[in-house]
Amino acid sequence: MRKMILTAMFGLFQMSVFAETNALIEVKLFKDWVIKGEGYSGGNLNLAIKNTGTVPIRLFKHPANFDMGQLDLRPLPRRLNTAEETGRQEFGYQAAVRNGLGGFFDLPPGEAHVYEGRKFLKPLPFVRKMMRFTVSVYLGDGFWLDSEPMTLNEVVPDSEEHIATITDGTTRRQYELLAVTYKNERWLYIRDGGDFPICPISLTNKIRVEPYDGKLLHKIWDGEKSMVFHLGQDLFFEDPDESDVFGKWTRERKQRAEADNAEVRRKKAEGN
């Protein structure tokens, strides 16, 4: 399975207060292709932010506030002028400030941060056969950190296979599960108005689905391996790492960040 892990170095000097603000942003996307009508246009991601500047970077502690106030996918070429785009994001930023979930923390120079246990569902504000955009972090006062350009391609899948119809046991609403195959990748999707990717699945195994708690949990079998899927929250329990691509990446990237941060702090302490 192809991975999309992109890094970008920034040296931004637009405003004196941010003159020494630099960051390395590492982005994990599900995949680098989408199908027609795919919800969120593939904007399911997590990221690591490493402060490579000389001053702290102020970030929201709670991922919901970070999602609302600081994280954005900005299309290329830019369709909004700077004032319009910044004004829209500043509104979300101030709303997140008022939300009161955890406040801010300062990411020290040399250290990295990963938002644990969370993937961000960010809609791309456009649909094209080839979509180019940046993953951007807004720091307030009109200042952005932008990733290097990223690309998603809209493709015609090689096949779509109906897997099962599952029911929300609380509302009795029904959803279709289907397997979408493109080249050497096969993904489980849920259809609910649009098509939303859930996780990668094997290319050849039979996929089976059964109710788990009679309400929102469903057990999905990929051959002999199983995972428990929470309908409505897009969360997994008892899932193998090869299916929980976000959980696996987040755990491993967070462990690496913690080890690197400890080394940075050790060297700073020795220098003092």
C-alpha atoms as a PDB file:
ATOM      1  CA  MET A   1       0.000   0.000   0.000  1.00  0.00           C
ATOM      2  CA  ARG A   2       1.357   3.380  -0.928  1.00  0.00           C
ATOM      3  CA  LYS A   3       1.926   5.747   1.951  1.00  0.00           C
ATOM      4  CA  MET A   4       1.857   9.509   1.720  1.00  0.00           C
ATOM      5  CA  ILE A   5       4.149  11.020   4.313  1.00  0.00           C
ATOM      6  CA  LEU A   6       5.248  14.481   3.336  1.00  0.00           C
ATOM      7  CA  THR A   7       7.538  16.861   5.112  1.00  0.00           C
ATOM      8  CA  ALA A   8       8.108  20.517   4.455  1.00  0.00           C
ATOM      9  CA  MET A   9      10.497  23.078   5.923  1.00  0.00           C
ATOM     10  CA  PHE A  10       9.402  26.634   6.340  1.00  0.00           C
ATOM     11  CA  GLY A  11      11.230  29.888   6.817  1.00  0.00           C
ATOM     12  CA  LEU A  12       8.544  32.541   7.110  1.00  0.00           C
ATOM     13  CA  PHE A  13       9.376  36.160   7.806  1.00  0.00           C
ATOM     14  CA  GLN A  14       6.206  38.109   6.985  1.00  0.00           C
ATOM     15  CA  MET A  15       5.718  39.558  10.455  1.00  0.00           C
ATOM     16  CA  SER A  16       8.344  40.547  12.973  1.00  0.00           C
ATOM     17  CA  VAL A  17       6.594  38.771  15.847  1.00  0.00           C
ATOM     18  CA  PHE A  18       6.916  35.505  13.900  1.00  0.00           C
ATOM     19  CA  ALA A  19      10.331  36.222  12.406  1.00  0.00           C
ATOM     20  CA  GLU A  20      11.928  33.219  14.092  1.00  0.00           C
ATOM     21  CA  THR A  21       8.983  30.853  13.593  1.00  0.00           C
ATOM     22  CA  ASN A  22       9.860  27.821  11.496  1.00  0.00           C
ATOM     23  CA  ALA A  23       8.301  24.367  11.476  1.00  0.00           C
ATOM     24  CA  LEU A  24       8.659  20.938   9.971  1.00  0.00           C
ATOM     25  CA  ILE A  25       5.200  19.483   9.314  1.00  0.00           C
ATOM     26  CA  GLU A  26       4.843  15.777   8.650  1.00  0.00           C
ATOM     27  CA  VAL A  27       1.471  14.749   7.225  1.00  0.00           C
ATOM     28  CA  LYS A  28      -0.094  11.278   7.125  1.00  0.00           C
ATOM     29  CA  LEU A  29      -2.881  10.827   4.599  1.00  0.00           C
ATOM     30  CA  PHE A  30      -4.990   7.730   4.068  1.00  0.00           C
ATOM     31  CA  LYS A  31      -4.062   7.470   0.404  1.00  0.00           C
ATOM     32  CA  ASP A  32      -3.188   9.669  -2.537  1.00  0.00           C
ATOM     33  CA  TRP A  33      -6.330   8.982  -4.574  1.00  0.00           C
ATOM     34  CA  VAL A  34     -10.066   9.515  -4.211  1.00  0.00           C
ATOM     35  CA  ILE A  35     -13.114   8.239  -6.061  1.00  0.00           C
ATOM     36  CA  LYS A  36     -15.887  10.385  -7.460  1.00  0.00           C
ATOM     37  CA  GLY A  37     -18.204  11.517  -4.677  1.00  0.00           C
ATOM     38  CA  GLU A  38     -15.808  10.570  -1.886  1.00  0.00           C
ATOM     39  CA  GLY A  39     -16.718  12.413   1.300  1.00  0.00           C
ATOM     40  CA  TYR A  40     -14.096  14.856   2.563  1.00  0.00           C
ATOM     41  CA  SER A  41     -12.280  14.360  -0.758  1.00  0.00           C
ATOM     42  CA  GLY A  42      -9.641  12.289   0.980  1.00  0.00           C
ATOM     43  CA  GLY A  43      -8.853  14.910   3.609  1.00  0.00           C
ATOM     44  CA  ASN A  44      -8.467  12.355   6.429  1.00  0.00           C
ATOM     45  CA  LEU A  45      -5.117  13.070   8.029  1.00  0.00           C
ATOM     46  CA  ASN A  46      -2.951  13.329  11.074  1.00  0.00           C
ATOM     47  CA  LEU A  47       0.257  15.267  11.426  1.00  0.00           C
ATOM     48  CA  ALA A  48       3.346  15.895  13.494  1.00  0.00           C
ATOM     49  CA  ILE A  49       4.543  19.479  14.000  1.00  0.00           C
ATOM     50  CA  LYS A  50       8.212  19.994  14.849  1.00  0.00           C
ATOM     51  CA  ASN A  51       9.335  23.447  15.911  1.00  0.00           C
ATOM     52  CA  THR A  52      12.538  24.147  14.002  1.00  0.00           C
ATOM     53  CA  GLY A  53      12.600  27.850  14.888  1.00  0.00           C
ATOM     54  CA  THR A  54      13.955  29.688  17.887  1.00  0.00           C
ATOM     55  CA  VAL A  55      10.703  30.775  19.550  1.00  0.00           C
ATOM     56  CA  PRO A  56       7.814  28.656  20.890  1.00  0.00           C
ATOM     57  CA  ILE A  57       4.853  27.852  18.618  1.00  0.00           C
ATOM     58  CA  ARG A  58       1.486  28.327  20.320  1.00  0.00           C
ATOM     59  CA  LEU A  59      -0.943  25.465  19.622  1.00  0.00           C
ATOM     60  CA  PHE A  60      -4.323  24.434  21.011  1.00  0.00           C
ATOM     61  CA  LYS A  61      -4.059  21.577  23.496  1.00  0.00           C
ATOM     62  CA  HIS A  62      -7.334  19.892  22.562  1.00  0.00           C
ATOM     63  CA  PRO A  63      -7.479  18.376  19.063  1.00  0.00           C
ATOM     64  CA  ALA A  64     -11.062  19.590  18.548  1.00  0.00           C
ATOM     65  CA  ASN A  65      -9.915  23.171  19.073  1.00  0.00           C
ATOM     66  CA  PHE A  66      -6.867  22.640  16.874  1.00  0.00           C
ATOM     67  CA  ASP A  67      -9.171  21.276  14.162  1.00  0.00           C
ATOM     68  CA  MET A  68     -11.558  24.221  14.477  1.00  0.00           C
ATOM     69  CA  GLY A  69      -9.127  27.064  14.956  1.00  0.00           C
ATOM     70  CA  GLN A  70      -5.772  26.192  13.448  1.00  0.00           C
ATOM     71  CA  LEU A  71      -5.883  23.340  10.932  1.00  0.00           C
ATOM     72  CA  ASP A  72      -6.984  23.955   7.357  1.00  0.00           C
ATOM     73  CA  LEU A  73      -6.576  22.524   3.862  1.00  0.00           C
ATOM     74  CA  ARG A  74      -5.983  25.382   1.466  1.00  0.00           C
ATOM     75  CA  PRO A  75      -6.447  24.800  -2.273  1.00  0.00           C
ATOM     76  CA  LEU A  76      -3.834  25.641  -4.845  1.00  0.00           C
ATOM     77  CA  PRO A  77      -3.901  27.939  -6.616  1.00  0.00           C
ATOM     78  CA  ARG A  78      -5.381  30.099  -3.870  1.00  0.00           C
ATOM     79  CA  ARG A  79      -9.012  30.948  -4.652  1.00  0.00           C
ATOM     80  CA  LEU A  80      -9.567  33.412  -1.817  1.00  0.00           C
ATOM     81  CA  ASN A  81      -7.581  36.548  -1.303  1.00  0.00           C
ATOM     82  CA  THR A  82      -5.490  36.721   1.849  1.00  0.00           C
ATOM     83  CA  ALA A  83      -7.915  38.924   3.768  1.00  0.00           C
ATOM     84  CA  GLU A  84     -10.935  36.688   3.066  1.00  0.00           C
ATOM     85  CA  GLU A  85      -9.161  33.443   3.878  1.00  0.00           C
ATOM     86  CA  THR A  86      -7.515  34.795   6.993  1.00  0.00           C
ATOM     87  CA  GLY A  87     -10.764  36.384   8.161  1.00  0.00           C
ATOM     88  CA  ARG A  88     -12.587  33.049   7.864  1.00  0.00           C
ATOM     89  CA  GLN A  89      -9.862  31.219   9.779  1.00  0.00           C
ATOM     90  CA  GLU A  90      -9.573  33.950  12.410  1.00  0.00           C
ATOM     91  CA  PHE A  91     -13.306  33.489  13.091  1.00  0.00           C
ATOM     92  CA  GLY A  92     -12.727  29.769  13.718  1.00  0.00           C
ATOM     93  CA  TYR A  93      -9.645  30.552  15.794  1.00  0.00           C
ATOM     94  CA  GLN A  94     -11.563  32.899  18.096  1.00  0.00           C
ATOM     95  CA  ALA A  95     -14.439  30.407  18.346  1.00  0.00           C
ATOM     96  CA  ALA A  96     -11.938  27.763  19.486  1.00  0.00           C
ATOM     97  CA  VAL A  97     -10.547  30.195  22.067  1.00  0.00           C
ATOM     98  CA  ARG A  98     -14.059  30.658  23.471  1.00  0.00           C
ATOM     99  CA  ASN A  99     -14.664  26.913  23.432  1.00  0.00           C
ATOM    100  CA  GLY A 100     -12.489  26.564  26.512  1.00  0.00           C
ATOM    101  CA  LEU A 101     -11.231  23.000  25.936  1.00  0.00           C
ATOM    102  CA  GLY A 102      -7.769  22.954  27.457  1.00  0.00           C
ATOM    103  CA  GLY A 103      -6.460  26.264  26.198  1.00  0.00           C
ATOM    104  CA  PHE A 104      -3.038  26.525  24.562  1.00  0.00           C
ATOM    105  CA  PHE A 105       0.421  25.110  25.050  1.00  0.00           C
ATOM    106  CA  ASP A 106       3.747  26.376  23.748  1.00  0.00           C
ATOM    107  CA  LEU A 107       5.714  23.914  21.622  1.00  0.00           C
ATOM    108  CA  PRO A 108       9.359  24.657  22.498  1.00  0.00           C
ATOM    109  CA  PRO A 109      12.061  25.008  19.840  1.00  0.00           C
ATOM    110  CA  GLY A 110      13.398  21.642  18.730  1.00  0.00           C
ATOM    111  CA  GLU A 111      10.407  19.626  19.963  1.00  0.00           C
ATOM    112  CA  ALA A 112       7.595  17.879  18.071  1.00  0.00           C
ATOM    113  CA  HIS A 113       3.906  17.316  18.840  1.00  0.00           C
ATOM    114  CA  VAL A 114       1.434  14.682  17.609  1.00  0.00           C
ATOM    115  CA  TYR A 115      -2.293  14.873  18.336  1.00  0.00           C
ATOM    116  CA  GLU A 116      -2.808  11.410  19.777  1.00  0.00           C
ATOM    117  CA  GLY A 117      -5.816   9.208  19.033  1.00  0.00           C
ATOM    118  CA  ARG A 118      -7.258  11.558  16.468  1.00  0.00           C
ATOM    119  CA  LYS A 119      -7.510  11.822  12.735  1.00  0.00           C
ATOM    120  CA  PHE A 120      -8.774  15.045  11.267  1.00  0.00           C
ATOM    121  CA  LEU A 121     -11.652  14.984   8.779  1.00  0.00           C
ATOM    122  CA  LYS A 122     -11.041  18.092   6.745  1.00  0.00           C
ATOM    123  CA  PRO A 123     -13.143  18.753   3.645  1.00  0.00           C
ATOM    124  CA  LEU A 124     -11.306  20.050   0.631  1.00  0.00           C
ATOM    125  CA  PRO A 125     -13.244  23.106  -0.566  1.00  0.00           C
ATOM    126  CA  PHE A 126     -13.108  22.057  -4.218  1.00  0.00           C
ATOM    127  CA  VAL A 127     -13.377  19.010  -6.479  1.00  0.00           C
ATOM    128  CA  ARG A 128     -11.108  18.429  -9.448  1.00  0.00           C
ATOM    129  CA  LYS A 129      -9.622  15.501 -11.319  1.00  0.00           C
ATOM    130  CA  MET A 130      -6.319  16.495  -9.727  1.00  0.00           C
ATOM    131  CA  MET A 131      -6.463  18.411  -6.468  1.00  0.00           C
ATOM    132  CA  ARG A 132      -3.474  20.361  -5.136  1.00  0.00           C
ATOM    133  CA  PHE A 133      -3.491  21.898  -1.678  1.00  0.00           C
ATOM    134  CA  THR A 134      -1.443  22.652   1.394  1.00  0.00           C
ATOM    135  CA  VAL A 135      -2.023  21.438   4.931  1.00  0.00           C
ATOM    136  CA  SER A 136      -1.848  24.676   6.882  1.00  0.00           C
ATOM    137  CA  VAL A 137      -1.592  25.622  10.559  1.00  0.00           C
ATOM    138  CA  TYR A 138      -2.927  29.043  11.536  1.00  0.00           C
ATOM    139  CA  LEU A 139      -1.146  30.800  14.406  1.00  0.00           C
ATOM    140  CA  GLY A 140      -3.422  33.829  14.650  1.00  0.00           C
ATOM    141  CA  ASP A 141      -2.913  37.431  13.593  1.00  0.00           C
ATOM    142  CA  GLY A 142      -2.940  36.448   9.929  1.00  0.00           C
ATOM    143  CA  PHE A 143       0.060  34.093  10.141  1.00  0.00           C
ATOM    144  CA  TRP A 144       0.084  30.652   8.476  1.00  0.00           C
ATOM    145  CA  LEU A 145       2.449  27.730   8.372  1.00  0.00           C
ATOM    146  CA  ASP A 146       1.955  25.918   5.057  1.00  0.00           C
ATOM    147  CA  SER A 147       3.103  22.447   4.072  1.00  0.00           C
ATOM    148  CA  GLU A 148       4.670  21.814   0.721  1.00  0.00           C
ATOM    149  CA  PRO A 149       2.054  21.260  -2.023  1.00  0.00           C
ATOM    150  CA  MET A 150       0.198  17.952  -1.853  1.00  0.00           C
ATOM    151  CA  THR A 151      -1.770  16.228  -4.601  1.00  0.00           C
ATOM    152  CA  LEU A 152      -4.830  13.968  -4.707  1.00  0.00           C
ATOM    153  CA  ASN A 153      -6.027  12.395  -7.938  1.00  0.00           C
ATOM    154  CA  GLU A 154      -9.618  11.429  -8.643  1.00  0.00           C
ATOM    155  CA  VAL A 155      -9.634   7.934 -10.145  1.00  0.00           C
ATOM    156  CA  VAL A 156     -12.051   5.421 -11.585  1.00  0.00           C
ATOM    157  CA  PRO A 157     -11.764   2.335  -9.350  1.00  0.00           C
ATOM    158  CA  ASP A 158     -11.042  -1.038 -10.870  1.00  0.00           C
ATOM    159  CA  SER A 159     -14.007  -2.528  -9.003  1.00  0.00           C
ATOM    160  CA  GLU A 160     -16.656  -1.831  -6.373  1.00  0.00           C
ATOM    161  CA  GLU A 161     -18.129  -4.734  -4.411  1.00  0.00           C
ATOM    162  CA  HIS A 162     -21.118  -4.666  -2.071  1.00  0.00           C
ATOM    163  CA  ILE A 163     -20.067  -6.178   1.248  1.00  0.00           C
ATOM    164  CA  ALA A 164     -23.038  -5.714   3.589  1.00  0.00           C
ATOM    165  CA  THR A 165     -25.815  -3.445   4.748  1.00  0.00           C
ATOM    166  CA  ILE A 166     -25.406  -2.495   8.397  1.00  0.00           C
ATOM    167  CA  THR A 167     -27.981  -0.899  10.700  1.00  0.00           C
ATOM    168  CA  ASP A 168     -27.614   1.731  13.372  1.00  0.00           C
ATOM    169  CA  GLY A 169     -29.378  -0.057  16.220  1.00  0.00           C
ATOM    170  CA  THR A 170     -30.376   3.211  17.874  1.00  0.00           C
ATOM    171  CA  THR A 171     -31.983   4.965  14.885  1.00  0.00           C
ATOM    172  CA  ARG A 172     -32.531   1.961  12.556  1.00  0.00           C
ATOM    173  CA  ARG A 173     -30.792   3.900   9.801  1.00  0.00           C
ATOM    174  CA  GLN A 174     -29.016   1.690   7.287  1.00  0.00           C
ATOM    175  CA  TYR A 175     -25.625   2.068   5.609  1.00  0.00           C
ATOM    176  CA  GLU A 176     -23.941   0.142   2.819  1.00  0.00           C
ATOM    177  CA  LEU A 177     -20.422  -1.211   3.170  1.00  0.00           C
ATOM    178  CA  LEU A 178     -18.479  -1.755  -0.027  1.00  0.00           C
ATOM    179  CA  ALA A 179     -14.971  -2.724  -1.079  1.00  0.00           C
ATOM    180  CA  VAL A 180     -13.255  -0.427  -3.553  1.00  0.00           C
ATOM    181  CA  THR A 181     -10.221  -1.739  -5.425  1.00  0.00           C
ATOM    182  CA  TYR A 182      -7.756   0.479  -7.261  1.00  0.00           C
ATOM    183  CA  LYS A 183      -4.510  -0.995  -8.615  1.00  0.00           C
ATOM    184  CA  ASN A 184      -2.852  -2.782  -5.669  1.00  0.00           C
ATOM    185  CA  GLU A 185      -5.068  -1.269  -2.969  1.00  0.00           C
ATOM    186  CA  ARG A 186      -8.445  -2.349  -1.630  1.00  0.00           C
ATOM    187  CA  TRP A 187     -10.352  -0.157   0.817  1.00  0.00           C
ATOM    188  CA  LEU A 188     -13.498  -0.632   2.856  1.00  0.00           C
ATOM    189  CA  TYR A 189     -15.941   2.247   2.349  1.00  0.00           C
ATOM    190  CA  ILE A 190     -19.213   3.204   3.984  1.00  0.00           C
ATOM    191  CA  ARG A 191     -21.888   4.758   1.781  1.00  0.00           C
ATOM    192  CA  ASP A 192     -24.054   7.434   3.401  1.00  0.00           C
ATOM    193  CA  GLY A 193     -25.023  10.018   0.832  1.00  0.00           C
ATOM    194  CA  GLY A 194     -21.356  10.075  -0.177  1.00  0.00           C
ATOM    195  CA  ASP A 195     -18.666   7.431   0.022  1.00  0.00           C
ATOM    196  CA  PHE A 196     -16.362   7.568   3.061  1.00  0.00           C
ATOM    197  CA  PRO A 197     -13.187   5.434   3.374  1.00  0.00           C
ATOM    198  CA  ILE A 198     -12.866   3.367   6.542  1.00  0.00           C
ATOM    199  CA  CYS A 199      -9.637   1.371   6.269  1.00  0.00           C
ATOM    200  CA  PRO A 200      -7.477  -0.693   3.925  1.00  0.00           C
ATOM    201  CA  ILE A 201      -8.395  -4.352   3.549  1.00  0.00           C
ATOM    202  CA  SER A 202      -6.656  -7.307   1.925  1.00  0.00           C
ATOM    203  CA  LEU A 203      -6.833  -7.717  -1.815  1.00  0.00           C
ATOM    204  CA  THR A 204      -8.100 -11.311  -1.773  1.00  0.00           C
ATOM    205  CA  ASN A 205      -9.763 -12.186   1.555  1.00  0.00           C
ATOM    206  CA  LYS A 206     -13.513 -12.458   1.900  1.00  0.00           C
ATOM    207  CA  ILE A 207     -14.872  -9.614   4.037  1.00  0.00           C
ATOM    208  CA  ARG A 208     -17.629 -10.530   6.480  1.00  0.00           C
ATOM    209  CA  VAL A 209     -19.626  -8.247   8.785  1.00  0.00           C
ATOM    210  CA  GLU A 210     -21.790  -9.077  11.808  1.00  0.00           C
ATOM    211  CA  PRO A 211     -23.468  -7.013  14.560  1.00  0.00           C
ATOM    212  CA  TYR A 212     -21.405  -6.761  17.736  1.00  0.00           C
ATOM    213  CA  ASP A 213     -23.545  -5.030  20.350  1.00  0.00           C
ATOM    214  CA  GLY A 214     -26.861  -4.639  18.518  1.00  0.00           C
ATOM    215  CA  LYS A 215     -26.376  -0.876  18.432  1.00  0.00           C
ATOM    216  CA  LEU A 216     -23.385   0.933  16.945  1.00  0.00           C
ATOM    217  CA  LEU A 217     -20.623  -1.674  17.039  1.00  0.00           C
ATOM    218  CA  HIS A 218     -20.023  -4.094  14.173  1.00  0.00           C
ATOM    219  CA  LYS A 219     -17.365  -6.798  13.836  1.00  0.00           C
ATOM    220  CA  ILE A 220     -15.651  -6.856  10.452  1.00  0.00           C
ATOM    221  CA  TRP A 221     -13.722  -9.972   9.452  1.00  0.00           C
ATOM    222  CA  ASP A 222     -10.895  -9.765   6.908  1.00  0.00           C
ATOM    223  CA  GLY A 223     -10.155 -13.436   6.424  1.00  0.00           C
ATOM    224  CA  GLU A 224      -9.165 -14.683   9.902  1.00  0.00           C
ATOM    225  CA  LYS A 225      -8.490 -11.214  11.284  1.00  0.00           C
ATOM    226  CA  SER A 226     -11.240  -9.130  12.835  1.00  0.00           C
ATOM    227  CA  MET A 227     -11.824  -5.574  13.971  1.00  0.00           C
ATOM    228  CA  VAL A 228     -14.697  -3.875  15.757  1.00  0.00           C
ATOM    229  CA  PHE A 229     -15.984  -0.762  14.007  1.00  0.00           C
ATOM    230  CA  HIS A 230     -17.960   1.961  15.797  1.00  0.00           C
ATOM    231  CA  LEU A 231     -20.588   3.310  13.419  1.00  0.00           C
ATOM    232  CA  GLY A 232     -20.828   7.069  13.676  1.00  0.00           C
ATOM    233  CA  GLN A 233     -17.453   7.695  15.301  1.00  0.00           C
ATOM    234  CA  ASP A 234     -15.227   6.049  12.691  1.00  0.00           C
ATOM    235  CA  LEU A 235     -13.300   4.318  15.474  1.00  0.00           C
ATOM    236  CA  PHE A 236     -11.903   0.817  15.755  1.00  0.00           C
ATOM    237  CA  PHE A 237     -11.486  -1.545  18.667  1.00  0.00           C
ATOM    238  CA  GLU A 238      -9.554  -4.827  18.682  1.00  0.00           C
ATOM    239  CA  ASP A 239      -8.199  -3.985  15.259  1.00  0.00           C
ATOM    240  CA  PRO A 240      -5.004  -5.198  13.593  1.00  0.00           C
ATOM    241  CA  ASP A 241      -2.371  -2.573  12.817  1.00  0.00           C
ATOM    242  CA  GLU A 242      -2.610  -3.149   9.080  1.00  0.00           C
ATOM    243  CA  SER A 243      -6.233  -1.979   9.215  1.00  0.00           C
ATOM    244  CA  ASP A 244      -5.861   0.794  11.772  1.00  0.00           C
ATOM    245  CA  VAL A 245      -3.417   2.771   9.649  1.00  0.00           C
ATOM    246  CA  PHE A 246      -4.014   5.990  11.568  1.00  0.00           C
ATOM    247  CA  GLY A 247      -3.735   4.437  14.999  1.00  0.00           C
ATOM    248  CA  LYS A 248      -0.516   2.637  14.066  1.00  0.00           C
ATOM    249  CA  TRP A 249       1.073   5.735  12.536  1.00  0.00           C
ATOM    250  CA  THR A 250       0.006   7.953  15.442  1.00  0.00           C
ATOM    251  CA  ARG A 251       1.354   5.574  18.089  1.00  0.00           C
ATOM    252  CA  GLU A 252       4.683   5.105  16.346  1.00  0.00           C
ATOM    253  CA  ARG A 253       5.103   8.800  15.482  1.00  0.00           C
ATOM    254  CA  LYS A 254       4.204   9.862  19.036  1.00  0.00           C
ATOM    255  CA  GLN A 255       6.733   7.426  20.518  1.00  0.00           C
ATOM    256  CA  ARG A 256       9.419   8.808  18.220  1.00  0.00           C
ATOM    257  CA  ALA A 257       8.468  12.393  19.111  1.00  0.00           C
ATOM    258  CA  GLU A 258       8.649  11.652  22.831  1.00  0.00           C
ATOM    259  CA  ALA A 259      12.100  10.072  22.463  1.00  0.00           C
ATOM    260  CA  ASP A 260      13.366  12.962  20.333  1.00  0.00           C
ATOM    261  CA  ASN A 261      11.899  15.546  22.711  1.00  0.00           C
ATOM    262  CA  ALA A 262      13.592  13.882  25.677  1.00  0.00           C
ATOM    263  CA  GLU A 263      16.921  14.095  23.859  1.00  0.00           C
ATOM    264  CA  VAL A 264      16.360  17.770  23.014  1.00  0.00           C
ATOM    265  CA  ARG A 265      15.602  18.547  26.669  1.00  0.00           C
ATOM    266  CA  ARG A 266      18.670  16.595  27.814  1.00  0.00           C
ATOM    267  CA  LYS A 267      20.946  18.583  25.523  1.00  0.00           C
ATOM    268  CA  LYS A 268      19.383  21.867  26.640  1.00  0.00           C
ATOM    269  CA  ALA A 269      19.925  20.914  30.300  1.00  0.00           C
ATOM    270  CA  GLU A 270      23.564  20.056  29.604  1.00  0.00           C
ATOM    271  CA  GLY A 271      24.027  23.397  27.876  1.00  0.00           C
ATOM    272  CA  ASN A 272      22.720  25.323  30.870  1.00  0.00           C
END
